[in-house]
């Protein structure tokens, strides 16, 4: 079973409110996909519909309410093949994400909106995944998840190759290089260029 993860608790700019619709629409087409969602119970109560109480969720959807210990987080993350980053492009156009960096370093498939820094990494071959148009709403995210899970074997192989290449290169170095590249300035990194 291909498993999709959403981690880092729920904030508006991370598209948390769309999760129920994204999951419902994904499972309406492919019931074999699993989900692991880390959520804030308070945010869940405020922003998710009543039908999305944990007891009423499909068996393939696991919810971790609240903070996870390091061990719980690592175990949950390791059990997922695809990481969903439904982040708003306005908030993440020039900003990275710790969850993204973990996913990339661990050879996971990333699904994220276009016009984000994370999408730029997929587009230039520095991460493996599928991008979508955030303005098209939860359906676009669900379709991107279906696309990613449909070619999961191919994308996982690519993701592992990227992760192996990146061993020893810090996320901060890569982020600084990308910002410099956008500004048209040469990289200052000692071991790699912004174009790598």
N, C-alpha and C. Protein backbone atom coordinates (compact mmCIF):
# COMPACT_ATOMS: atom_id res chain seq x y z
N UNK A 1 0.84 -1.20 0.00
CA UNK A 1 0.00 0.00 0.00
C UNK A 1 0.87 1.25 0.00
N UNK A 2 0.63 2.14 -0.95
CA UNK A 2 1.33 3.42 -0.97
C UNK A 2 0.69 4.31 0.10
N UNK A 3 1.55 4.94 0.90
CA UNK A 3 1.06 5.73 2.04
C UNK A 3 1.50 7.18 1.89
N UNK A 4 0.55 8.08 2.11
CA UNK A 4 0.78 9.52 2.01
C UNK A 4 0.84 10.11 3.41
N UNK A 5 1.83 10.95 3.66
CA UNK A 5 1.96 11.60 4.96
C UNK A 5 1.79 13.11 4.88
N UNK A 6 1.18 13.65 5.92
CA UNK A 6 1.11 15.10 6.11
C UNK A 6 1.59 15.35 7.53
N UNK A 7 2.69 16.10 7.68
CA UNK A 7 3.31 16.29 8.99
C UNK A 7 3.54 17.76 9.29
N UNK A 8 3.70 18.05 10.59
CA UNK A 8 4.04 19.40 11.00
C UNK A 8 2.89 20.19 11.58
N UNK A 9 1.83 19.53 11.97
CA UNK A 9 0.66 20.18 12.56
C UNK A 9 -0.04 21.05 11.52
N UNK A 10 -1.15 21.68 11.91
CA UNK A 10 -1.95 22.39 10.92
C UNK A 10 -1.89 23.90 11.06
N UNK A 11 -1.48 24.55 9.97
CA UNK A 11 -1.54 26.01 9.93
C UNK A 11 -2.21 26.40 8.63
N UNK A 12 -2.82 27.56 8.63
CA UNK A 12 -3.58 28.00 7.46
C UNK A 12 -2.72 28.00 6.21
N UNK A 13 -1.48 28.55 6.30
CA UNK A 13 -0.63 28.64 5.11
C UNK A 13 -0.12 27.29 4.64
N UNK A 14 -0.33 26.24 5.46
CA UNK A 14 0.07 24.89 5.06
C UNK A 14 -1.10 24.09 4.49
N UNK A 15 -2.21 24.78 4.21
CA UNK A 15 -3.34 24.12 3.54
C UNK A 15 -4.04 23.07 4.37
N UNK A 16 -3.93 23.19 5.69
CA UNK A 16 -4.47 22.18 6.59
C UNK A 16 -5.98 21.99 6.41
N UNK A 17 -6.70 23.09 6.21
CA UNK A 17 -8.17 23.02 6.12
C UNK A 17 -8.64 22.19 4.93
N UNK A 18 -7.79 22.06 3.90
CA UNK A 18 -8.17 21.30 2.70
C UNK A 18 -7.99 19.79 2.85
N UNK A 19 -7.32 19.35 3.91
CA UNK A 19 -6.98 17.92 4.02
C UNK A 19 -8.17 16.98 3.92
N UNK A 20 -9.28 17.23 4.63
CA UNK A 20 -10.41 16.29 4.51
C UNK A 20 -10.89 16.13 3.07
N UNK A 21 -10.99 17.25 2.35
CA UNK A 21 -11.46 17.18 0.96
C UNK A 21 -10.44 16.45 0.08
N UNK A 22 -9.15 16.76 0.28
CA UNK A 22 -8.11 16.10 -0.51
C UNK A 22 -8.15 14.59 -0.29
N UNK A 23 -8.23 14.18 0.97
CA UNK A 23 -8.25 12.74 1.28
C UNK A 23 -9.51 12.09 0.72
N UNK A 24 -10.66 12.71 0.95
CA UNK A 24 -11.93 12.15 0.46
C UNK A 24 -11.90 11.97 -1.06
N UNK A 25 -11.41 12.97 -1.77
CA UNK A 25 -11.43 12.91 -3.24
C UNK A 25 -10.39 11.93 -3.77
N UNK A 26 -9.29 11.80 -3.05
CA UNK A 26 -8.28 10.82 -3.46
C UNK A 26 -8.83 9.41 -3.28
N UNK A 27 -9.42 9.16 -2.12
CA UNK A 27 -9.93 7.81 -1.82
C UNK A 27 -11.17 7.46 -2.65
N UNK A 28 -11.88 8.46 -3.12
CA UNK A 28 -13.04 8.19 -3.98
C UNK A 28 -12.60 7.52 -5.28
N UNK A 29 -11.36 7.76 -5.69
CA UNK A 29 -10.83 7.19 -6.92
C UNK A 29 -9.95 5.97 -6.65
N UNK A 30 -9.18 6.02 -5.57
CA UNK A 30 -8.28 4.90 -5.26
C UNK A 30 -8.31 4.61 -3.76
N UNK A 31 -9.06 3.60 -3.37
CA UNK A 31 -9.22 3.24 -1.95
C UNK A 31 -8.02 2.50 -1.40
N UNK A 32 -7.04 2.20 -2.22
CA UNK A 32 -5.88 1.44 -1.74
C UNK A 32 -4.79 2.33 -1.16
N UNK A 33 -4.94 3.65 -1.30
CA UNK A 33 -3.94 4.57 -0.78
C UNK A 33 -4.17 4.77 0.72
N UNK A 34 -3.08 4.79 1.48
CA UNK A 34 -3.18 5.05 2.91
C UNK A 34 -2.73 6.47 3.23
N UNK A 35 -3.18 6.98 4.37
CA UNK A 35 -2.81 8.33 4.81
C UNK A 35 -2.39 8.31 6.27
N UNK A 36 -1.38 9.10 6.60
CA UNK A 36 -1.02 9.37 7.99
C UNK A 36 -0.95 10.89 8.14
N UNK A 37 -1.84 11.44 8.97
CA UNK A 37 -1.96 12.88 9.12
C UNK A 37 -1.62 13.28 10.55
N UNK A 38 -0.63 14.15 10.70
CA UNK A 38 -0.33 14.71 12.02
C UNK A 38 -1.09 16.03 12.12
N UNK A 39 -1.96 16.13 13.12
CA UNK A 39 -2.83 17.30 13.21
C UNK A 39 -2.89 17.84 14.63
N UNK A 40 -3.26 19.09 14.73
CA UNK A 40 -3.54 19.71 16.02
C UNK A 40 -5.01 19.48 16.35
N UNK A 41 -5.32 18.89 17.50
CA UNK A 41 -6.73 18.64 17.84
C UNK A 41 -7.56 19.92 17.86
N UNK A 42 -6.96 21.02 18.31
CA UNK A 42 -7.70 22.29 18.37
C UNK A 42 -8.02 22.78 16.97
N UNK A 43 -7.01 22.77 16.10
CA UNK A 43 -7.21 23.21 14.72
C UNK A 43 -8.17 22.28 14.00
N UNK A 44 -8.06 20.98 14.27
CA UNK A 44 -8.96 20.01 13.64
C UNK A 44 -10.40 20.32 14.02
N UNK A 45 -10.64 20.61 15.30
CA UNK A 45 -11.99 20.89 15.76
C UNK A 45 -12.55 22.16 15.11
N UNK A 46 -11.68 23.15 14.87
CA UNK A 46 -12.13 24.42 14.30
C UNK A 46 -12.32 24.36 12.80
N UNK A 47 -11.46 23.62 12.12
CA UNK A 47 -11.38 23.74 10.66
C UNK A 47 -11.87 22.52 9.88
N UNK A 48 -12.04 21.38 10.53
CA UNK A 48 -12.48 20.21 9.81
C UNK A 48 -13.96 19.96 10.02
N UNK A 49 -14.65 19.41 9.03
CA UNK A 49 -16.08 19.14 9.18
C UNK A 49 -16.35 18.08 10.25
N UNK A 50 -17.57 18.11 10.81
CA UNK A 50 -17.92 17.19 11.90
C UNK A 50 -17.73 15.73 11.53
N UNK A 51 -17.98 15.39 10.27
CA UNK A 51 -17.86 13.99 9.84
C UNK A 51 -16.44 13.47 9.89
N UNK A 52 -15.50 14.38 10.12
CA UNK A 52 -14.10 13.97 10.13
C UNK A 52 -13.57 13.70 11.53
N UNK A 53 -14.46 13.29 12.41
CA UNK A 53 -13.99 12.81 13.71
C UNK A 53 -13.20 11.53 13.47
N UNK A 54 -12.15 11.30 14.26
CA UNK A 54 -11.26 10.18 13.99
C UNK A 54 -12.00 8.85 13.95
N UNK A 55 -13.00 8.67 14.81
CA UNK A 55 -13.71 7.39 14.88
C UNK A 55 -14.44 7.08 13.57
N UNK A 56 -14.75 8.12 12.79
CA UNK A 56 -15.52 7.91 11.56
C UNK A 56 -14.64 7.88 10.31
N UNK A 57 -13.33 7.99 10.49
CA UNK A 57 -12.44 7.99 9.34
C UNK A 57 -12.31 6.59 8.75
N UNK A 58 -12.04 6.50 7.45
CA UNK A 58 -11.77 5.19 6.86
C UNK A 58 -10.57 4.54 7.54
N UNK A 59 -10.53 3.23 7.52
CA UNK A 59 -9.45 2.49 8.18
C UNK A 59 -8.07 2.85 7.63
N UNK A 60 -8.02 3.24 6.36
CA UNK A 60 -6.73 3.55 5.73
C UNK A 60 -6.20 4.93 6.09
N UNK A 61 -6.96 5.69 6.90
CA UNK A 61 -6.53 7.03 7.31
C UNK A 61 -6.19 7.01 8.79
N UNK A 62 -4.93 7.27 9.10
CA UNK A 62 -4.48 7.32 10.48
C UNK A 62 -4.20 8.77 10.86
N UNK A 63 -4.73 9.19 12.00
CA UNK A 63 -4.52 10.55 12.48
C UNK A 63 -3.71 10.51 13.76
N UNK A 64 -2.65 11.32 13.82
CA UNK A 64 -1.87 11.49 15.04
C UNK A 64 -2.18 12.88 15.59
N UNK A 65 -3.04 12.97 16.61
CA UNK A 65 -3.37 14.29 17.14
C UNK A 65 -2.27 14.82 18.04
N UNK A 66 -1.86 16.05 17.80
CA UNK A 66 -0.89 16.68 18.67
C UNK A 66 0.55 16.34 18.31
N UNK A 67 1.45 16.74 19.22
CA UNK A 67 2.88 16.53 19.02
C UNK A 67 3.23 15.05 19.08
N UNK A 68 4.25 14.68 18.31
CA UNK A 68 4.79 13.32 18.35
C UNK A 68 6.19 13.37 18.97
N UNK A 69 6.56 12.32 19.68
CA UNK A 69 7.94 12.22 20.15
C UNK A 69 8.84 12.05 18.93
N UNK A 70 10.14 12.24 19.11
CA UNK A 70 11.08 12.06 17.99
C UNK A 70 10.95 10.67 17.40
N UNK A 71 10.83 9.66 18.26
CA UNK A 71 10.73 8.28 17.79
C UNK A 71 9.43 8.05 17.04
N UNK A 72 8.32 8.58 17.56
CA UNK A 72 7.02 8.42 16.90
C UNK A 72 7.01 9.11 15.54
N UNK A 73 7.59 10.31 15.51
CA UNK A 73 7.64 11.07 14.27
C UNK A 73 8.46 10.32 13.22
N UNK A 74 9.63 9.85 13.63
CA UNK A 74 10.51 9.14 12.70
C UNK A 74 9.84 7.88 12.17
N UNK A 75 9.15 7.16 13.05
CA UNK A 75 8.47 5.93 12.64
C UNK A 75 7.33 6.23 11.66
N UNK A 76 6.55 7.27 11.97
CA UNK A 76 5.43 7.64 11.09
C UNK A 76 5.94 8.10 9.74
N UNK A 77 6.98 8.92 9.75
CA UNK A 77 7.56 9.46 8.51
C UNK A 77 8.11 8.32 7.66
N UNK A 78 8.81 7.41 8.31
CA UNK A 78 9.43 6.29 7.59
C UNK A 78 8.38 5.39 6.94
N UNK A 79 7.18 5.38 7.49
CA UNK A 79 6.11 4.54 6.94
C UNK A 79 5.40 5.14 5.75
N UNK A 80 5.78 6.35 5.35
CA UNK A 80 5.12 7.03 4.24
C UNK A 80 6.02 7.06 3.01
N UNK A 81 5.43 6.89 1.85
CA UNK A 81 6.16 6.94 0.59
C UNK A 81 6.08 8.33 -0.05
N UNK A 82 4.95 9.00 0.20
CA UNK A 82 4.67 10.30 -0.41
C UNK A 82 4.42 11.30 0.71
N UNK A 83 5.01 12.49 0.60
CA UNK A 83 4.77 13.55 1.58
C UNK A 83 4.02 14.68 0.89
N UNK A 84 2.84 15.01 1.43
CA UNK A 84 2.03 16.09 0.89
C UNK A 84 2.38 17.40 1.59
N UNK A 85 2.76 18.39 0.80
CA UNK A 85 3.04 19.74 1.30
C UNK A 85 2.08 20.69 0.59
N UNK A 86 0.88 20.78 1.10
CA UNK A 86 -0.17 21.59 0.46
C UNK A 86 -0.03 23.06 0.89
N UNK A 87 1.17 23.61 0.67
CA UNK A 87 1.52 24.93 1.18
C UNK A 87 1.12 26.04 0.21
N UNK A 88 0.67 27.15 0.76
CA UNK A 88 0.25 28.27 -0.07
C UNK A 88 1.46 28.91 -0.75
N UNK A 89 1.41 29.08 -2.07
CA UNK A 89 2.57 29.65 -2.78
C UNK A 89 3.00 31.02 -2.28
N UNK A 90 2.06 31.85 -1.85
CA UNK A 90 2.44 33.18 -1.37
C UNK A 90 3.33 33.11 -0.13
N UNK A 91 3.10 32.10 0.70
CA UNK A 91 3.88 31.95 1.94
C UNK A 91 5.19 31.20 1.72
N UNK A 92 5.26 30.39 0.66
CA UNK A 92 6.42 29.51 0.47
C UNK A 92 7.13 29.69 -0.87
N UNK A 93 6.94 30.84 -1.48
CA UNK A 93 7.58 31.06 -2.79
C UNK A 93 9.11 31.07 -2.67
N UNK A 94 9.64 31.69 -1.61
CA UNK A 94 11.09 31.77 -1.42
C UNK A 94 11.49 31.18 -0.07
N UNK A 95 10.74 30.25 0.39
CA UNK A 95 10.94 29.73 1.75
C UNK A 95 10.93 28.21 1.71
N UNK A 96 11.87 27.61 2.41
CA UNK A 96 11.91 26.15 2.45
C UNK A 96 11.08 25.64 3.62
N UNK A 97 11.07 24.34 3.79
CA UNK A 97 10.27 23.69 4.83
C UNK A 97 11.09 22.55 5.42
N UNK A 98 11.10 22.45 6.75
CA UNK A 98 11.84 21.36 7.39
C UNK A 98 11.28 20.00 6.96
N UNK A 99 9.96 19.92 6.81
CA UNK A 99 9.35 18.64 6.39
C UNK A 99 9.81 18.29 4.98
N UNK A 100 9.89 19.30 4.10
CA UNK A 100 10.39 19.07 2.75
C UNK A 100 11.82 18.55 2.78
N UNK A 101 12.68 19.19 3.57
CA UNK A 101 14.08 18.77 3.63
C UNK A 101 14.22 17.35 4.18
N UNK A 102 13.40 17.01 5.16
CA UNK A 102 13.42 15.64 5.68
C UNK A 102 12.98 14.65 4.61
N UNK A 103 11.91 15.01 3.90
CA UNK A 103 11.40 14.12 2.84
C UNK A 103 12.44 13.92 1.75
N UNK A 104 13.08 14.99 1.33
CA UNK A 104 14.09 14.89 0.28
C UNK A 104 15.29 14.08 0.74
N UNK A 105 15.72 14.31 1.97
CA UNK A 105 16.90 13.60 2.49
C UNK A 105 16.64 12.12 2.69
N UNK A 106 15.37 11.76 2.92
CA UNK A 106 15.01 10.36 3.17
C UNK A 106 14.50 9.65 1.91
N UNK A 107 14.56 10.32 0.77
CA UNK A 107 14.18 9.68 -0.48
C UNK A 107 12.68 9.47 -0.62
N UNK A 108 11.91 10.46 -0.22
CA UNK A 108 10.45 10.38 -0.33
C UNK A 108 9.96 11.19 -1.53
N UNK A 109 8.80 10.80 -2.04
CA UNK A 109 8.13 11.54 -3.10
C UNK A 109 7.46 12.75 -2.48
N UNK A 110 7.55 13.89 -3.14
CA UNK A 110 6.97 15.12 -2.62
C UNK A 110 5.88 15.61 -3.56
N UNK A 111 4.73 15.95 -2.99
CA UNK A 111 3.63 16.53 -3.77
C UNK A 111 3.37 17.91 -3.19
N UNK A 112 3.52 18.94 -4.03
CA UNK A 112 3.45 20.32 -3.54
C UNK A 112 2.98 21.25 -4.65
N UNK A 113 2.41 22.40 -4.30
CA UNK A 113 1.94 23.32 -5.34
C UNK A 113 3.09 23.95 -6.14
N UNK A 114 2.79 24.30 -7.39
CA UNK A 114 3.72 25.07 -8.20
C UNK A 114 3.91 26.46 -7.59
N UNK A 115 4.94 27.13 -8.02
CA UNK A 115 5.28 28.49 -7.56
C UNK A 115 5.65 28.51 -6.07
N UNK A 116 6.13 27.38 -5.57
CA UNK A 116 6.73 27.33 -4.24
C UNK A 116 8.20 26.98 -4.42
N UNK A 117 9.00 27.24 -3.39
CA UNK A 117 10.42 26.89 -3.46
C UNK A 117 10.57 25.38 -3.60
N UNK A 118 9.72 24.62 -2.93
CA UNK A 118 9.79 23.16 -3.00
C UNK A 118 9.53 22.67 -4.44
N UNK A 119 8.55 23.28 -5.10
CA UNK A 119 8.26 22.91 -6.48
C UNK A 119 9.45 23.21 -7.39
N UNK A 120 10.15 24.32 -7.12
CA UNK A 120 11.31 24.66 -7.94
C UNK A 120 12.38 23.58 -7.83
N UNK A 121 12.48 22.94 -6.67
CA UNK A 121 13.46 21.87 -6.48
C UNK A 121 13.08 20.62 -7.27
N UNK A 122 11.80 20.35 -7.36
CA UNK A 122 11.32 19.23 -8.18
C UNK A 122 11.58 19.52 -9.66
N UNK A 123 11.26 20.75 -10.06
CA UNK A 123 11.40 21.13 -11.47
C UNK A 123 12.86 21.11 -11.95
N UNK A 124 13.81 21.39 -11.05
CA UNK A 124 15.22 21.38 -11.48
C UNK A 124 15.90 20.05 -11.16
N UNK A 125 15.13 19.04 -10.74
CA UNK A 125 15.70 17.71 -10.53
C UNK A 125 16.38 17.50 -9.20
N UNK A 126 16.19 18.42 -8.24
CA UNK A 126 16.80 18.29 -6.93
C UNK A 126 15.87 17.59 -5.92
N UNK A 127 14.68 17.23 -6.37
CA UNK A 127 13.73 16.47 -5.56
C UNK A 127 12.84 15.71 -6.53
N UNK A 128 12.19 14.65 -6.05
CA UNK A 128 11.31 13.84 -6.90
C UNK A 128 9.88 14.03 -6.45
N UNK A 129 9.01 14.31 -7.39
CA UNK A 129 7.61 14.47 -7.00
C UNK A 129 6.74 15.01 -8.10
N UNK A 130 5.57 15.50 -7.69
CA UNK A 130 4.55 16.00 -8.61
C UNK A 130 4.09 17.36 -8.08
N UNK A 131 3.92 18.32 -8.98
CA UNK A 131 3.43 19.64 -8.58
C UNK A 131 2.03 19.87 -9.15
N UNK A 132 1.33 20.83 -8.59
CA UNK A 132 -0.03 21.12 -9.03
C UNK A 132 -0.34 22.60 -8.81
N UNK A 133 -1.45 23.04 -9.38
CA UNK A 133 -1.87 24.44 -9.29
C UNK A 133 -2.72 24.62 -8.03
N UNK A 134 -2.16 25.32 -7.05
CA UNK A 134 -2.86 25.53 -5.76
C UNK A 134 -4.19 26.23 -5.95
N UNK A 135 -4.25 27.17 -6.89
CA UNK A 135 -5.47 27.95 -7.09
C UNK A 135 -6.63 27.11 -7.61
N UNK A 136 -6.33 25.90 -8.10
CA UNK A 136 -7.39 25.00 -8.58
C UNK A 136 -8.05 24.22 -7.46
N UNK A 137 -7.58 24.40 -6.22
CA UNK A 137 -8.24 23.82 -5.06
C UNK A 137 -7.86 22.39 -4.75
N UNK A 138 -8.58 21.79 -3.79
CA UNK A 138 -8.25 20.44 -3.32
C UNK A 138 -8.28 19.36 -4.40
N UNK A 139 -9.11 19.55 -5.42
CA UNK A 139 -9.14 18.55 -6.51
C UNK A 139 -7.78 18.43 -7.18
N UNK A 140 -7.10 19.56 -7.37
CA UNK A 140 -5.78 19.53 -8.01
C UNK A 140 -4.79 18.78 -7.15
N UNK A 141 -4.85 18.98 -5.83
CA UNK A 141 -3.95 18.26 -4.92
C UNK A 141 -4.26 16.76 -4.94
N UNK A 142 -5.54 16.42 -4.94
CA UNK A 142 -5.93 15.00 -4.99
C UNK A 142 -5.45 14.35 -6.29
N UNK A 143 -5.61 15.06 -7.40
CA UNK A 143 -5.16 14.51 -8.68
C UNK A 143 -3.64 14.34 -8.71
N UNK A 144 -2.91 15.28 -8.10
CA UNK A 144 -1.45 15.16 -8.03
C UNK A 144 -1.05 13.96 -7.19
N UNK A 145 -1.76 13.73 -6.08
CA UNK A 145 -1.49 12.54 -5.26
C UNK A 145 -1.75 11.26 -6.05
N UNK A 146 -2.83 11.24 -6.81
CA UNK A 146 -3.14 10.07 -7.62
C UNK A 146 -2.06 9.85 -8.69
N UNK A 147 -1.60 10.94 -9.30
CA UNK A 147 -0.52 10.83 -10.29
C UNK A 147 0.75 10.28 -9.64
N UNK A 148 1.10 10.82 -8.46
CA UNK A 148 2.32 10.40 -7.78
C UNK A 148 2.25 8.94 -7.35
N UNK A 149 1.12 8.54 -6.79
CA UNK A 149 1.00 7.15 -6.33
C UNK A 149 0.93 6.18 -7.50
N UNK A 150 0.45 6.68 -8.64
CA UNK A 150 0.37 5.83 -9.83
C UNK A 150 1.71 5.45 -10.40
N UNK A 151 2.71 6.31 -10.18
CA UNK A 151 4.08 6.03 -10.65
C UNK A 151 5.05 6.02 -9.47
N UNK A 152 4.57 5.53 -8.33
CA UNK A 152 5.36 5.59 -7.10
C UNK A 152 6.71 4.88 -7.23
N UNK A 153 6.75 3.73 -7.86
CA UNK A 153 8.01 2.99 -7.98
C UNK A 153 9.06 3.81 -8.70
N UNK A 154 8.66 4.41 -9.81
CA UNK A 154 9.59 5.22 -10.61
C UNK A 154 10.05 6.45 -9.82
N UNK A 155 9.12 7.12 -9.16
CA UNK A 155 9.48 8.33 -8.41
C UNK A 155 10.32 8.01 -7.17
N UNK A 156 10.02 6.88 -6.52
CA UNK A 156 10.82 6.49 -5.34
C UNK A 156 12.27 6.20 -5.72
N UNK A 157 12.45 5.56 -6.86
CA UNK A 157 13.82 5.29 -7.33
C UNK A 157 14.56 6.61 -7.57
N UNK A 158 13.88 7.54 -8.21
CA UNK A 158 14.49 8.85 -8.46
C UNK A 158 14.79 9.57 -7.14
N UNK A 159 13.84 9.49 -6.20
CA UNK A 159 14.01 10.15 -4.90
C UNK A 159 15.20 9.58 -4.14
N UNK A 160 15.37 8.25 -4.19
CA UNK A 160 16.51 7.62 -3.50
C UNK A 160 17.83 8.05 -4.12
N UNK A 161 17.86 8.13 -5.45
CA UNK A 161 19.09 8.56 -6.13
C UNK A 161 19.46 9.99 -5.74
N UNK A 162 18.45 10.86 -5.65
CA UNK A 162 18.69 12.24 -5.25
C UNK A 162 19.18 12.30 -3.81
N UNK A 163 18.55 11.52 -2.93
CA UNK A 163 18.94 11.52 -1.51
C UNK A 163 20.38 11.06 -1.35
N UNK A 164 20.78 10.03 -2.09
CA UNK A 164 22.16 9.53 -2.01
C UNK A 164 23.16 10.58 -2.48
N UNK A 165 22.79 11.33 -3.53
CA UNK A 165 23.65 12.39 -4.06
C UNK A 165 23.84 13.52 -3.06
N UNK A 166 22.82 13.75 -2.27
CA UNK A 166 22.82 14.91 -1.38
C UNK A 166 23.45 14.65 -0.02
N UNK A 167 23.88 13.46 0.24
CA UNK A 167 24.50 13.16 1.54
C UNK A 167 25.66 14.10 1.77
N UNK A 168 25.68 14.76 2.92
CA UNK A 168 26.76 15.67 3.26
C UNK A 168 26.55 17.09 2.82
N UNK A 169 25.46 17.36 2.09
CA UNK A 169 25.17 18.73 1.68
C UNK A 169 24.03 19.25 2.55
N UNK A 170 24.27 20.33 3.26
CA UNK A 170 23.26 20.83 4.20
C UNK A 170 22.11 21.50 3.47
N UNK A 171 20.93 21.45 4.07
CA UNK A 171 19.74 22.10 3.50
C UNK A 171 19.95 23.60 3.41
N UNK A 172 20.61 24.17 4.42
CA UNK A 172 20.81 25.62 4.40
C UNK A 172 21.70 26.04 3.24
N UNK A 173 22.73 25.24 2.92
CA UNK A 173 23.59 25.55 1.77
C UNK A 173 22.78 25.57 0.48
N UNK A 174 21.95 24.54 0.31
CA UNK A 174 21.15 24.46 -0.90
C UNK A 174 20.17 25.63 -1.00
N UNK A 175 19.57 26.00 0.13
CA UNK A 175 18.61 27.09 0.13
C UNK A 175 19.29 28.41 -0.23
N UNK A 176 20.45 28.67 0.38
CA UNK A 176 21.20 29.89 0.07
C UNK A 176 21.59 29.90 -1.40
N UNK A 177 22.04 28.76 -1.91
CA UNK A 177 22.40 28.67 -3.33
C UNK A 177 21.21 29.01 -4.23
N UNK A 178 20.03 28.51 -3.87
CA UNK A 178 18.84 28.76 -4.69
C UNK A 178 18.48 30.25 -4.68
N UNK A 179 18.55 30.87 -3.51
CA UNK A 179 18.26 32.31 -3.42
C UNK A 179 19.26 33.10 -4.26
N UNK A 180 20.54 32.74 -4.16
CA UNK A 180 21.56 33.42 -4.96
C UNK A 180 21.32 33.22 -6.45
N UNK A 181 20.89 32.02 -6.80
CA UNK A 181 20.61 31.73 -8.21
C UNK A 181 19.46 32.62 -8.70
N UNK A 182 18.41 32.77 -7.88
CA UNK A 182 17.28 33.61 -8.26
C UNK A 182 17.69 35.07 -8.41
N UNK A 183 18.67 35.48 -7.61
CA UNK A 183 19.17 36.85 -7.67
C UNK A 183 20.21 37.06 -8.76
N UNK A 184 20.62 35.96 -9.40
CA UNK A 184 21.62 36.04 -10.46
C UNK A 184 23.04 36.20 -9.94
N UNK A 185 23.27 35.74 -8.71
CA UNK A 185 24.59 35.84 -8.08
C UNK A 185 25.21 34.45 -8.04
N UNK A 186 26.51 34.35 -8.24
CA UNK A 186 27.19 33.05 -8.22
C UNK A 186 27.13 32.45 -6.82
N UNK A 187 27.15 31.13 -6.77
CA UNK A 187 27.13 30.42 -5.49
C UNK A 187 28.39 30.69 -4.69
N UNK A 188 28.21 30.71 -3.35
CA UNK A 188 29.37 30.82 -2.47
C UNK A 188 29.71 29.48 -1.82
N UNK A 189 28.90 28.46 -2.15
CA UNK A 189 29.14 27.15 -1.57
C UNK A 189 30.47 26.58 -2.03
N UNK A 190 31.26 25.96 -1.13
CA UNK A 190 32.61 25.47 -1.48
C UNK A 190 32.60 24.24 -2.36
N UNK A 191 31.55 23.42 -2.28
CA UNK A 191 31.58 22.11 -2.95
C UNK A 191 30.59 21.95 -4.09
N UNK A 192 29.74 22.95 -4.28
CA UNK A 192 28.74 22.79 -5.34
C UNK A 192 28.29 24.17 -5.82
N UNK A 193 27.73 24.20 -7.00
CA UNK A 193 27.25 25.45 -7.55
C UNK A 193 25.73 25.50 -7.47
N UNK A 194 25.15 26.68 -7.64
CA UNK A 194 23.69 26.83 -7.58
C UNK A 194 23.01 26.06 -8.68
N UNK A 195 23.73 25.77 -9.75
CA UNK A 195 23.12 25.07 -10.87
C UNK A 195 23.15 23.56 -10.73
N UNK A 196 23.78 23.06 -9.69
CA UNK A 196 23.88 21.60 -9.53
C UNK A 196 22.51 20.98 -9.41
